[in-house]
Amino acid sequence: MLYVDVVTAINMKTERTLFKIVGMYCINCKPIVEKHLKDEKAVKRIDIDYMTDSIIVEFDPSFITKDEIKNRLERSGYKFVRVAR
């Protein structure tokens, strides 16, 4: 599936960051993480791979920080490991 948001691309600076977490074991974890991270202004896209315990978050850093994303991940019940470089 191709995801295009022209307004976002033109009007907003976004950052993509890979977060490593522990505790995702199956595809049923995806909606739990999305529920805690999704935010119309701040978080624009979430790519979750439970096989590698990684989440790529595309976000607007003027609305949310990496630490706030980390806190949301932990509140969703998963253990935050690190922000991957």
PDB file of N, CA and C in Angstrom:
ATOM      1  N   MET A   1       0.836  -1.160   0.000  1.00  0.00           N
ATOM      2  CA  MET A   1       0.000   0.000   0.000  1.00  0.00           C
ATOM      3  C   MET A   1       0.891   1.235   0.000  1.00  0.00           C
ATOM      4  N   LEU A   2       0.537   2.211  -0.799  1.00  0.00           N
ATOM      5  CA  LEU A   2       1.270   3.470  -0.872  1.00  0.00           C
ATOM      6  C   LEU A   2       0.581   4.489   0.009  1.00  0.00           C
ATOM      7  N   TYR A   3       1.322   5.125   0.880  1.00  0.00           N
ATOM      8  CA  TYR A   3       0.782   6.121   1.796  1.00  0.00           C
ATOM      9  C   TYR A   3       1.333   7.480   1.409  1.00  0.00           C
ATOM     10  N   VAL A   4       0.441   8.377   1.014  1.00  0.00           N
ATOM     11  CA  VAL A   4       0.869   9.715   0.620  1.00  0.00           C
ATOM     12  C   VAL A   4      -0.010  10.727   1.327  1.00  0.00           C
ATOM     13  N   ASP A   5       0.617  11.679   1.953  1.00  0.00           N
ATOM     14  CA  ASP A   5      -0.092  12.775   2.598  1.00  0.00           C
ATOM     15  C   ASP A   5       0.559  14.056   2.109  1.00  0.00           C
ATOM     16  N   VAL A   6       0.031  14.615   1.048  1.00  0.00           N
ATOM     17  CA  VAL A   6       0.648  15.759   0.391  1.00  0.00           C
ATOM     18  C   VAL A   6       0.688  16.966   1.312  1.00  0.00           C
ATOM     19  N   VAL A   7      -0.359  17.201   2.075  1.00  0.00           N
ATOM     20  CA  VAL A   7      -0.393  18.353   2.981  1.00  0.00           C
ATOM     21  C   VAL A   7       0.726  18.244   4.008  1.00  0.00           C
ATOM     22  N   THR A   8       0.902  17.060   4.567  1.00  0.00           N
ATOM     23  CA  THR A   8       1.972  16.850   5.531  1.00  0.00           C
ATOM     24  C   THR A   8       3.334  17.095   4.895  1.00  0.00           C
ATOM     25  N   ALA A   9       3.527  16.574   3.713  1.00  0.00           N
ATOM     26  CA  ALA A   9       4.814  16.716   3.049  1.00  0.00           C
ATOM     27  C   ALA A   9       5.152  18.174   2.776  1.00  0.00           C
ATOM     28  N   ILE A  10       4.170  18.978   2.518  1.00  0.00           N
ATOM     29  CA  ILE A  10       4.404  20.380   2.173  1.00  0.00           C
ATOM     30  C   ILE A  10       4.477  21.270   3.417  1.00  0.00           C
ATOM     31  N   ASN A  11       3.603  21.058   4.372  1.00  0.00           N
ATOM     32  CA  ASN A  11       3.419  22.007   5.466  1.00  0.00           C
ATOM     33  C   ASN A  11       4.106  21.651   6.772  1.00  0.00           C
ATOM     34  N   MET A  12       4.733  20.511   6.871  1.00  0.00           N
ATOM     35  CA  MET A  12       5.200  20.095   8.171  1.00  0.00           C
ATOM     36  C   MET A  12       6.544  19.388   8.071  1.00  0.00           C
ATOM     37  N   LYS A  13       7.393  19.660   9.016  1.00  0.00           N
ATOM     38  CA  LYS A  13       8.653  18.933   9.123  1.00  0.00           C
ATOM     39  C   LYS A  13       8.390  17.652   9.905  1.00  0.00           C
ATOM     40  N   THR A  14       8.786  16.522   9.339  1.00  0.00           N
ATOM     41  CA  THR A  14       8.621  15.264  10.060  1.00  0.00           C
ATOM     42  C   THR A  14       9.977  14.604  10.257  1.00  0.00           C
ATOM     43  N   GLU A  15      10.013  13.756  11.248  1.00  0.00           N
ATOM     44  CA  GLU A  15      11.222  13.001  11.570  1.00  0.00           C
ATOM     45  C   GLU A  15      10.821  11.537  11.651  1.00  0.00           C
ATOM     46  N   ARG A  16      11.672  10.661  11.163  1.00  0.00           N
ATOM     47  CA  ARG A  16      11.447   9.209  11.251  1.00  0.00           C
ATOM     48  C   ARG A  16      12.483   8.613  12.197  1.00  0.00           C
ATOM     49  N   THR A  17      12.000   7.869  13.188  1.00  0.00           N
ATOM     50  CA  THR A  17      12.896   7.278  14.173  1.00  0.00           C
ATOM     51  C   THR A  17      12.513   5.821  14.400  1.00  0.00           C
ATOM     52  N   LEU A  18      13.534   4.981  14.515  1.00  0.00           N
ATOM     53  CA  LEU A  18      13.334   3.564  14.791  1.00  0.00           C
ATOM     54  C   LEU A  18      13.489   3.323  16.284  1.00  0.00           C
ATOM     55  N   PHE A  19      12.448   2.792  16.903  1.00  0.00           N
ATOM     56  CA  PHE A  19      12.450   2.460  18.323  1.00  0.00           C
ATOM     57  C   PHE A  19      12.500   0.945  18.463  1.00  0.00           C
ATOM     58  N   LYS A  20      13.360   0.445  19.351  1.00  0.00           N
ATOM     59  CA  LYS A  20      13.442  -0.980  19.658  1.00  0.00           C
ATOM     60  C   LYS A  20      12.762  -1.209  21.007  1.00  0.00           C
ATOM     61  N   ILE A  21      11.867  -2.198  21.048  1.00  0.00           N
ATOM     62  CA  ILE A  21      11.163  -2.509  22.288  1.00  0.00           C
ATOM     63  C   ILE A  21      11.160  -4.014  22.489  1.00  0.00           C
ATOM     64  N   VAL A  22      10.718  -4.443  23.668  1.00  0.00           N
ATOM     65  CA  VAL A  22      10.613  -5.862  23.994  1.00  0.00           C
ATOM     66  C   VAL A  22       9.178  -6.134  24.413  1.00  0.00           C
ATOM     67  N   GLY A  23       8.645  -7.251  23.956  1.00  0.00           N
ATOM     68  CA  GLY A  23       7.325  -7.651  24.424  1.00  0.00           C
ATOM     69  C   GLY A  23       6.285  -7.838  23.336  1.00  0.00           C
ATOM     70  N   MET A  24       6.598  -7.503  22.101  1.00  0.00           N
ATOM     71  CA  MET A  24       5.652  -7.747  21.014  1.00  0.00           C
ATOM     72  C   MET A  24       5.878  -9.172  20.518  1.00  0.00           C
ATOM     73  N   TYR A  25       4.831  -9.994  20.598  1.00  0.00           N
ATOM     74  CA  TYR A  25       4.998 -11.396  20.236  1.00  0.00           C
ATOM     75  C   TYR A  25       4.148 -11.837  19.047  1.00  0.00           C
ATOM     76  N   CYS A  26       3.151 -11.042  18.693  1.00  0.00           N
ATOM     77  CA  CYS A  26       2.297 -11.453  17.574  1.00  0.00           C
ATOM     78  C   CYS A  26       1.665 -10.209  16.945  1.00  0.00           C
ATOM     79  N   ILE A  27       0.954 -10.444  15.868  1.00  0.00           N
ATOM     80  CA  ILE A  27       0.348  -9.348  15.123  1.00  0.00           C
ATOM     81  C   ILE A  27      -0.735  -8.615  15.931  1.00  0.00           C
ATOM     82  N   ASN A  28      -1.266  -9.257  16.962  1.00  0.00           N
ATOM     83  CA  ASN A  28      -2.293  -8.626  17.791  1.00  0.00           C
ATOM     84  C   ASN A  28      -1.750  -7.461  18.613  1.00  0.00           C
ATOM     85  N   CYS A  29      -0.435  -7.354  18.712  1.00  0.00           N
ATOM     86  CA  CYS A  29       0.176  -6.245  19.450  1.00  0.00           C
ATOM     87  C   CYS A  29       0.072  -4.930  18.675  1.00  0.00           C
ATOM     88  N   LYS A  30      -0.013  -5.011  17.369  1.00  0.00           N
ATOM     89  CA  LYS A  30      -0.010  -3.814  16.522  1.00  0.00           C
ATOM     90  C   LYS A  30      -1.103  -2.808  16.901  1.00  0.00           C
ATOM     91  N   PRO A  31      -2.380  -3.211  17.029  1.00  0.00           N
ATOM     92  CA  PRO A  31      -3.399  -2.214  17.378  1.00  0.00           C
ATOM     93  C   PRO A  31      -3.209  -1.598  18.767  1.00  0.00           C
ATOM     94  N   ILE A  32      -2.603  -2.345  19.678  1.00  0.00           N
ATOM     95  CA  ILE A  32      -2.353  -1.807  21.021  1.00  0.00           C
ATOM     96  C   ILE A  32      -1.350  -0.668  20.942  1.00  0.00           C
ATOM     97  N   VAL A  33      -0.256  -0.892  20.217  1.00  0.00           N
ATOM     98  CA  VAL A  33       0.766   0.140  20.062  1.00  0.00           C
ATOM     99  C   VAL A  33       0.197   1.337  19.304  1.00  0.00           C
ATOM    100  N   GLU A  34      -0.520   1.073  18.222  1.00  0.00           N
ATOM    101  CA  GLU A  34      -1.091   2.167  17.422  1.00  0.00           C
ATOM    102  C   GLU A  34      -2.032   3.028  18.250  1.00  0.00           C
ATOM    103  N   LYS A  35      -2.831   2.404  19.103  1.00  0.00           N
ATOM    104  CA  LYS A  35      -3.779   3.140  19.953  1.00  0.00           C
ATOM    105  C   LYS A  35      -3.052   4.139  20.855  1.00  0.00           C
ATOM    106  N   HIS A  36      -1.910   3.739  21.390  1.00  0.00           N
ATOM    107  CA  HIS A  36      -1.169   4.607  22.301  1.00  0.00           C
ATOM    108  C   HIS A  36      -0.318   5.658  21.594  1.00  0.00           C
ATOM    109  N   LEU A  37       0.058   5.393  20.344  1.00  0.00           N
ATOM    110  CA  LEU A  37       0.935   6.326  19.635  1.00  0.00           C
ATOM    111  C   LEU A  37       0.200   7.274  18.703  1.00  0.00           C
ATOM    112  N   LYS A  38      -0.908   6.846  18.145  1.00  0.00           N
ATOM    113  CA  LYS A  38      -1.559   7.634  17.102  1.00  0.00           C
ATOM    114  C   LYS A  38      -2.046   8.971  17.654  1.00  0.00           C
ATOM    115  N   ASP A  39      -1.689  10.017  16.959  1.00  0.00           N
ATOM    116  CA  ASP A  39      -2.061  11.372  17.329  1.00  0.00           C
ATOM    117  C   ASP A  39      -2.073  12.176  16.033  1.00  0.00           C
ATOM    118  N   GLU A  40      -3.219  12.755  15.707  1.00  0.00           N
ATOM    119  CA  GLU A  40      -3.359  13.417  14.407  1.00  0.00           C
ATOM    120  C   GLU A  40      -2.338  14.514  14.162  1.00  0.00           C
ATOM    121  N   LYS A  41      -1.997  15.277  15.171  1.00  0.00           N
ATOM    122  CA  LYS A  41      -1.037  16.371  14.984  1.00  0.00           C
ATOM    123  C   LYS A  41       0.404  15.896  15.068  1.00  0.00           C
ATOM    124  N   ALA A  42       0.689  15.007  15.994  1.00  0.00           N
ATOM    125  CA  ALA A  42       2.077  14.667  16.298  1.00  0.00           C
ATOM    126  C   ALA A  42       2.602  13.464  15.517  1.00  0.00           C
ATOM    127  N   VAL A  43       1.902  12.348  15.578  1.00  0.00           N
ATOM    128  CA  VAL A  43       2.376  11.108  14.969  1.00  0.00           C
ATOM    129  C   VAL A  43       1.633  10.889  13.658  1.00  0.00           C
ATOM    130  N   LYS A  44       2.384  10.844  12.585  1.00  0.00           N
ATOM    131  CA  LYS A  44       1.783  10.760  11.259  1.00  0.00           C
ATOM    132  C   LYS A  44       1.758   9.350  10.693  1.00  0.00           C
ATOM    133  N   ARG A  45       2.729   8.541  11.061  1.00  0.00           N
ATOM    134  CA  ARG A  45       2.789   7.185  10.517  1.00  0.00           C
ATOM    135  C   ARG A  45       3.526   6.281  11.498  1.00  0.00           C
ATOM    136  N   ILE A  46       3.053   5.036  11.583  1.00  0.00           N
ATOM    137  CA  ILE A  46       3.657   4.049  12.467  1.00  0.00           C
ATOM    138  C   ILE A  46       3.824   2.756  11.672  1.00  0.00           C
ATOM    139  N   ASP A  47       5.057   2.274  11.590  1.00  0.00           N
ATOM    140  CA  ASP A  47       5.347   0.986  10.956  1.00  0.00           C
ATOM    141  C   ASP A  47       5.856   0.044  12.036  1.00  0.00           C
ATOM    142  N   ILE A  48       5.118  -1.037  12.267  1.00  0.00           N
ATOM    143  CA  ILE A  48       5.427  -1.954  13.356  1.00  0.00           C
ATOM    144  C   ILE A  48       5.855  -3.303  12.789  1.00  0.00           C
ATOM    145  N   ASP A  49       6.986  -3.822  13.298  1.00  0.00           N
ATOM    146  CA  ASP A  49       7.461  -5.158  12.922  1.00  0.00           C
ATOM    147  C   ASP A  49       7.679  -5.944  14.207  1.00  0.00           C
ATOM    148  N   TYR A  50       6.694  -6.750  14.567  1.00  0.00           N
ATOM    149  CA  TYR A  50       6.800  -7.496  15.825  1.00  0.00           C
ATOM    150  C   TYR A  50       7.858  -8.589  15.762  1.00  0.00           C
ATOM    151  N   MET A  51       8.237  -9.006  14.561  1.00  0.00           N
ATOM    152  CA  MET A  51       9.269 -10.047  14.420  1.00  0.00           C
ATOM    153  C   MET A  51      10.649  -9.530  14.845  1.00  0.00           C
ATOM    154  N   THR A  52      10.886  -8.234  14.661  1.00  0.00           N
ATOM    155  CA  THR A  52      12.187  -7.649  15.021  1.00  0.00           C
ATOM    156  C   THR A  52      12.085  -6.707  16.222  1.00  0.00           C
ATOM    157  N   ASP A  53      10.927  -6.668  16.867  1.00  0.00           N
ATOM    158  CA  ASP A  53      10.707  -5.773  18.011  1.00  0.00           C
ATOM    159  C   ASP A  53      11.049  -4.329  17.665  1.00  0.00           C
ATOM    160  N   SER A  54      10.629  -3.887  16.494  1.00  0.00           N
ATOM    161  CA  SER A  54      10.954  -2.520  16.099  1.00  0.00           C
ATOM    162  C   SER A  54       9.714  -1.773  15.630  1.00  0.00           C
ATOM    163  N   ILE A  55       9.738  -0.486  15.890  1.00  0.00           N
ATOM    164  CA  ILE A  55       8.662   0.404  15.484  1.00  0.00           C
ATOM    165  C   ILE A  55       9.303   1.640  14.867  1.00  0.00           C
ATOM    166  N   ILE A  56       8.909   1.958  13.656  1.00  0.00           N
ATOM    167  CA  ILE A  56       9.358   3.195  13.022  1.00  0.00           C
ATOM    168  C   ILE A  56       8.213   4.189  13.152  1.00  0.00           C
ATOM    169  N   VAL A  57       8.521   5.332  13.737  1.00  0.00           N
ATOM    170  CA  VAL A  57       7.516   6.359  13.957  1.00  0.00           C
ATOM    171  C   VAL A  57       7.896   7.598  13.160  1.00  0.00           C
ATOM    172  N   GLU A  58       6.965   8.068  12.341  1.00  0.00           N
ATOM    173  CA  GLU A  58       7.141   9.332  11.635  1.00  0.00           C
ATOM    174  C   GLU A  58       6.311  10.364  12.388  1.00  0.00           C
ATOM    175  N   PHE A  59       6.973  11.418  12.856  1.00  0.00           N
ATOM    176  CA  PHE A  59       6.299  12.365  13.739  1.00  0.00           C
ATOM    177  C   PHE A  59       6.783  13.787  13.493  1.00  0.00           C
ATOM    178  N   ASP A  60       6.013  14.724  13.997  1.00  0.00           N
ATOM    179  CA  ASP A  60       6.367  16.135  13.923  1.00  0.00           C
ATOM    180  C   ASP A  60       7.008  16.518  15.259  1.00  0.00           C
ATOM    181  N   PRO A  61       8.314  16.783  15.269  1.00  0.00           N
ATOM    182  CA  PRO A  61       9.005  17.074  16.528  1.00  0.00           C
ATOM    183  C   PRO A  61       8.570  18.380  17.193  1.00  0.00           C
ATOM    184  N   SER A  62       7.800  19.203  16.507  1.00  0.00           N
ATOM    185  CA  SER A  62       7.288  20.413  17.153  1.00  0.00           C
ATOM    186  C   SER A  62       6.074  20.103  18.034  1.00  0.00           C
ATOM    187  N   PHE A  63       5.500  18.885  17.894  1.00  0.00           N
ATOM    188  CA  PHE A  63       4.347  18.480  18.698  1.00  0.00           C
ATOM    189  C   PHE A  63       4.665  17.392  19.717  1.00  0.00           C
ATOM    190  N   ILE A  64       5.693  16.571  19.446  1.00  0.00           N
ATOM    191  CA  ILE A  64       6.006  15.458  20.339  1.00  0.00           C
ATOM    192  C   ILE A  64       7.513  15.165  20.263  1.00  0.00           C
ATOM    193  N   THR A  65       8.077  14.739  21.388  1.00  0.00           N
ATOM    194  CA  THR A  65       9.509  14.410  21.429  1.00  0.00           C
ATOM    195  C   THR A  65       9.696  12.887  21.414  1.00  0.00           C
ATOM    196  N   LYS A  66      10.925  12.469  21.202  1.00  0.00           N
ATOM    197  CA  LYS A  66      11.245  11.042  21.257  1.00  0.00           C
ATOM    198  C   LYS A  66      10.969  10.484  22.646  1.00  0.00           C
ATOM    199  N   ASP A  67      11.238  11.273  23.684  1.00  0.00           N
ATOM    200  CA  ASP A  67      10.964  10.821  25.047  1.00  0.00           C
ATOM    201  C   ASP A  67       9.469  10.612  25.276  1.00  0.00           C
ATOM    202  N   GLU A  68       8.651  11.484  24.716  1.00  0.00           N
ATOM    203  CA  GLU A  68       7.202  11.312  24.851  1.00  0.00           C
ATOM    204  C   GLU A  68       6.723  10.058  24.118  1.00  0.00           C
ATOM    205  N   ILE A  69       7.317   9.777  22.955  1.00  0.00           N
ATOM    206  CA  ILE A  69       6.978   8.553  22.230  1.00  0.00           C
ATOM    207  C   ILE A  69       7.394   7.342  23.056  1.00  0.00           C
ATOM    208  N   LYS A  70       8.596   7.392  23.637  1.00  0.00           N
ATOM    209  CA  LYS A  70       9.084   6.311  24.507  1.00  0.00           C
ATOM    210  C   LYS A  70       8.112   6.079  25.664  1.00  0.00           C
ATOM    211  N   ASN A  71       7.657   7.153  26.297  1.00  0.00           N
ATOM    212  CA  ASN A  71       6.719   7.025  27.413  1.00  0.00           C
ATOM    213  C   ASN A  71       5.397   6.398  26.963  1.00  0.00           C
ATOM    214  N   ARG A  72       4.918   6.781  25.793  1.00  0.00           N
ATOM    215  CA  ARG A  72       3.679   6.189  25.272  1.00  0.00           C
ATOM    216  C   ARG A  72       3.863   4.698  25.003  1.00  0.00           C
ATOM    217  N   LEU A  73       5.029   4.319  24.468  1.00  0.00           N
ATOM    218  CA  LEU A  73       5.295   2.898  24.228  1.00  0.00           C
ATOM    219  C   LEU A  73       5.280   2.121  25.538  1.00  0.00           C
ATOM    220  N   GLU A  74       5.884   2.675  26.564  1.00  0.00           N
ATOM    221  CA  GLU A  74       5.916   1.997  27.861  1.00  0.00           C
ATOM    222  C   GLU A  74       4.524   1.923  28.487  1.00  0.00           C
ATOM    223  N   ARG A  75       3.720   2.974  28.309  1.00  0.00           N
ATOM    224  CA  ARG A  75       2.350   2.947  28.828  1.00  0.00           C
ATOM    225  C   ARG A  75       1.493   1.906  28.104  1.00  0.00           C
ATOM    226  N   SER A  76       1.869   1.567  26.872  1.00  0.00           N
ATOM    227  CA  SER A  76       1.111   0.560  26.128  1.00  0.00           C
ATOM    228  C   SER A  76       1.467  -0.858  26.588  1.00  0.00           C
ATOM    229  N   GLY A  77       2.458  -0.985  27.488  1.00  0.00           N
ATOM    230  CA  GLY A  77       2.768  -2.279  28.078  1.00  0.00           C
ATOM    231  C   GLY A  77       4.032  -2.941  27.568  1.00  0.00           C
ATOM    232  N   TYR A  78       4.812  -2.235  26.776  1.00  0.00           N
ATOM    233  CA  TYR A  78       6.031  -2.816  26.210  1.00  0.00           C
ATOM    234  C   TYR A  78       7.253  -2.150  26.820  1.00  0.00           C
ATOM    235  N   LYS A  79       8.311  -2.902  26.928  1.00  0.00           N
ATOM    236  CA  LYS A  79       9.533  -2.373  27.518  1.00  0.00           C
ATOM    237  C   LYS A  79      10.377  -1.695  26.431  1.00  0.00           C
ATOM    238  N   PHE A  80      10.660  -0.443  26.642  1.00  0.00           N
ATOM    239  CA  PHE A  80      11.485   0.325  25.716  1.00  0.00           C
ATOM    240  C   PHE A  80      12.943  -0.091  25.891  1.00  0.00           C
ATOM    241  N   VAL A  81      13.639  -0.364  24.790  1.00  0.00           N
ATOM    242  CA  VAL A  81      15.037  -0.760  24.841  1.00  0.00           C
ATOM    243  C   VAL A  81      15.926   0.412  24.447  1.00  0.00           C
ATOM    244  N   ARG A  82      15.697   0.971  23.251  1.00  0.00           N
ATOM    245  CA  ARG A  82      16.543   2.079  22.802  1.00  0.00           C
ATOM    246  C   ARG A  82      15.977   2.685  21.533  1.00  0.00           C
ATOM    247  N   VAL A  83      16.478   3.864  21.232  1.00  0.00           N
ATOM    248  CA  VAL A  83      16.232   4.483  19.936  1.00  0.00           C
ATOM    249  C   VAL A  83      17.378   4.023  19.053  1.00  0.00           C
ATOM    250  N   ALA A  84      17.056   3.345  17.978  1.00  0.00           N
ATOM    251  CA  ALA A  84      18.092   2.832  17.076  1.00  0.00           C
ATOM    252  C   ALA A  84      18.653   3.974  16.230  1.00  0.00           C
ATOM    253  N   ARG A  85      19.901   3.871  15.905  1.00  0.00           N
ATOM    254  CA  ARG A  85      20.564   4.892  15.072  1.00  0.00           C
ATOM    255  C   ARG A  85      20.566   4.456  13.648  1.00  0.00           C
TER     256      ARG A  85
END
